[in-house]
Amino acid sequence: MPESNERHREYPRDQAATETKPKTYTVDSGDNLSAIAKQELGDANRWREIYELNKEVIGDNPDLIQPGMELKLPS
């Protein structure tokens, strides 16, 4: 009788337990994407990365962010 492979079977990990929540930033009055990029990412020129991740929240004009918006930040 063949030996059971049951003890060697690999099961998928619980995806929710292994995924990390993306870092976010809540927009304050007077903020702009360049300032957020400088403060959070260390480089003001990375503002476009923040915009690309948040186009659905921000809309067509990256200059029109509003206080209270929660923006995802790139890693």
C-alpha atoms as a PDB file:
ATOM      1  CA  MET A   1       0.000   0.000   0.000  1.00  0.00           C
ATOM      2  CA  PRO A   2       1.530   3.403  -0.984  1.00  0.00           C
ATOM      3  CA  GLU A   3       2.475   5.781   1.750  1.00  0.00           C
ATOM      4  CA  SER A   4       0.065   8.688   2.195  1.00  0.00           C
ATOM      5  CA  ASN A   5       1.349  12.073   1.039  1.00  0.00           C
ATOM      6  CA  GLU A   6      -1.104  13.831   3.320  1.00  0.00           C
ATOM      7  CA  ARG A   7       1.579  15.049   5.716  1.00  0.00           C
ATOM      8  CA  HIS A   8       3.578  16.549   2.812  1.00  0.00           C
ATOM      9  CA  ARG A   9       0.723  18.417   1.183  1.00  0.00           C
ATOM     10  CA  GLU A  10       1.093  22.197   1.081  1.00  0.00           C
ATOM     11  CA  TYR A  11      -1.938  24.361   1.675  1.00  0.00           C
ATOM     12  CA  PRO A  12      -2.278  27.964   0.475  1.00  0.00           C
ATOM     13  CA  ARG A  13      -1.631  30.525   3.146  1.00  0.00           C
ATOM     14  CA  ASP A  14      -4.413  32.760   4.336  1.00  0.00           C
ATOM     15  CA  GLN A  15      -3.912  35.657   1.925  1.00  0.00           C
ATOM     16  CA  ALA A  16      -5.475  38.235   4.239  1.00  0.00           C
ATOM     17  CA  ALA A  17      -3.031  37.319   6.988  1.00  0.00           C
ATOM     18  CA  THR A  18       0.030  37.666   4.760  1.00  0.00           C
ATOM     19  CA  GLU A  19      -0.845  40.855   2.869  1.00  0.00           C
ATOM     20  CA  THR A  20       0.274  44.132   4.351  1.00  0.00           C
ATOM     21  CA  LYS A  21      -2.017  47.115   4.276  1.00  0.00           C
ATOM     22  CA  PRO A  22      -0.705  49.832   1.944  1.00  0.00           C
ATOM     23  CA  LYS A  23       0.564  52.986   3.592  1.00  0.00           C
ATOM     24  CA  THR A  24      -1.829  55.909   3.259  1.00  0.00           C
ATOM     25  CA  TYR A  25      -1.819  59.654   3.815  1.00  0.00           C
ATOM     26  CA  THR A  26      -4.807  61.832   4.697  1.00  0.00           C
ATOM     27  CA  VAL A  27      -4.691  65.186   2.923  1.00  0.00           C
ATOM     28  CA  ASP A  28      -4.591  68.298   5.131  1.00  0.00           C
ATOM     29  CA  SER A  29      -5.543  71.825   4.160  1.00  0.00           C
ATOM     30  CA  GLY A  30      -2.766  73.414   2.096  1.00  0.00           C
ATOM     31  CA  ASP A  31      -1.223  70.103   0.992  1.00  0.00           C
ATOM     32  CA  ASN A  32      -0.153  69.392  -2.566  1.00  0.00           C
ATOM     33  CA  LEU A  33       1.172  66.192  -4.113  1.00  0.00           C
ATOM     34  CA  SER A  34       4.759  67.457  -4.328  1.00  0.00           C
ATOM     35  CA  ALA A  35       4.814  68.345  -0.633  1.00  0.00           C
ATOM     36  CA  ILE A  36       3.290  64.978   0.297  1.00  0.00           C
ATOM     37  CA  ALA A  37       5.849  63.181  -1.885  1.00  0.00           C
ATOM     38  CA  LYS A  38       8.712  65.118  -0.254  1.00  0.00           C
ATOM     39  CA  GLN A  39       7.431  64.478   3.285  1.00  0.00           C
ATOM     40  CA  GLU A  40       6.393  60.840   2.882  1.00  0.00           C
ATOM     41  CA  LEU A  41       8.724  59.543   0.150  1.00  0.00           C
ATOM     42  CA  GLY A  42      11.711  61.862   0.500  1.00  0.00           C
ATOM     43  CA  ASP A  43      11.481  63.170  -3.073  1.00  0.00           C
ATOM     44  CA  ALA A  44       9.050  65.844  -4.298  1.00  0.00           C
ATOM     45  CA  ASN A  45       9.503  64.582  -7.864  1.00  0.00           C
ATOM     46  CA  ARG A  46       7.648  61.364  -6.961  1.00  0.00           C
ATOM     47  CA  TRP A  47       4.304  63.227  -6.805  1.00  0.00           C
ATOM     48  CA  ARG A  48       3.199  61.602 -10.075  1.00  0.00           C
ATOM     49  CA  GLU A  49       3.471  58.124  -8.499  1.00  0.00           C
ATOM     50  CA  ILE A  50       1.025  59.210  -5.803  1.00  0.00           C
ATOM     51  CA  TYR A  51      -1.265  60.682  -8.447  1.00  0.00           C
ATOM     52  CA  GLU A  52      -1.226  57.515 -10.592  1.00  0.00           C
ATOM     53  CA  LEU A  53      -2.138  55.374  -7.564  1.00  0.00           C
ATOM     54  CA  ASN A  54      -5.017  57.687  -6.648  1.00  0.00           C
ATOM     55  CA  LYS A  55      -6.517  58.920  -9.925  1.00  0.00           C
ATOM     56  CA  GLU A  56      -9.927  57.512  -8.984  1.00  0.00           C
ATOM     57  CA  VAL A  57      -9.926  59.567  -5.767  1.00  0.00           C
ATOM     58  CA  ILE A  58      -8.252  62.731  -7.090  1.00  0.00           C
ATOM     59  CA  GLY A  59      -9.805  62.967 -10.549  1.00  0.00           C
ATOM     60  CA  ASP A  60      -8.336  64.482 -13.718  1.00  0.00           C
ATOM     61  CA  ASN A  61      -6.530  67.417 -12.088  1.00  0.00           C
ATOM     62  CA  PRO A  62      -3.701  66.505  -9.673  1.00  0.00           C
ATOM     63  CA  ASP A  63      -3.710  70.085  -8.343  1.00  0.00           C
ATOM     64  CA  LEU A  64      -7.220  69.672  -6.908  1.00  0.00           C
ATOM     65  CA  ILE A  65      -6.708  67.453  -3.894  1.00  0.00           C
ATOM     66  CA  GLN A  66      -9.077  68.087  -1.008  1.00  0.00           C
ATOM     67  CA  PRO A  67      -8.582  67.889   2.770  1.00  0.00           C
ATOM     68  CA  GLY A  68      -9.754  64.549   4.082  1.00  0.00           C
ATOM     69  CA  MET A  69      -8.866  62.540   0.961  1.00  0.00           C
ATOM     70  CA  GLU A  70      -7.088  59.316   1.902  1.00  0.00           C
ATOM     71  CA  LEU A  71      -4.307  58.676  -0.591  1.00  0.00           C
ATOM     72  CA  LYS A  72      -2.419  55.429  -1.081  1.00  0.00           C
ATOM     73  CA  LEU A  73       1.354  55.848  -1.097  1.00  0.00           C
ATOM     74  CA  PRO A  74       3.784  53.888  -3.263  1.00  0.00           C
ATOM     75  CA  SER A  75       6.207  51.559  -1.551  1.00  0.00           C
END
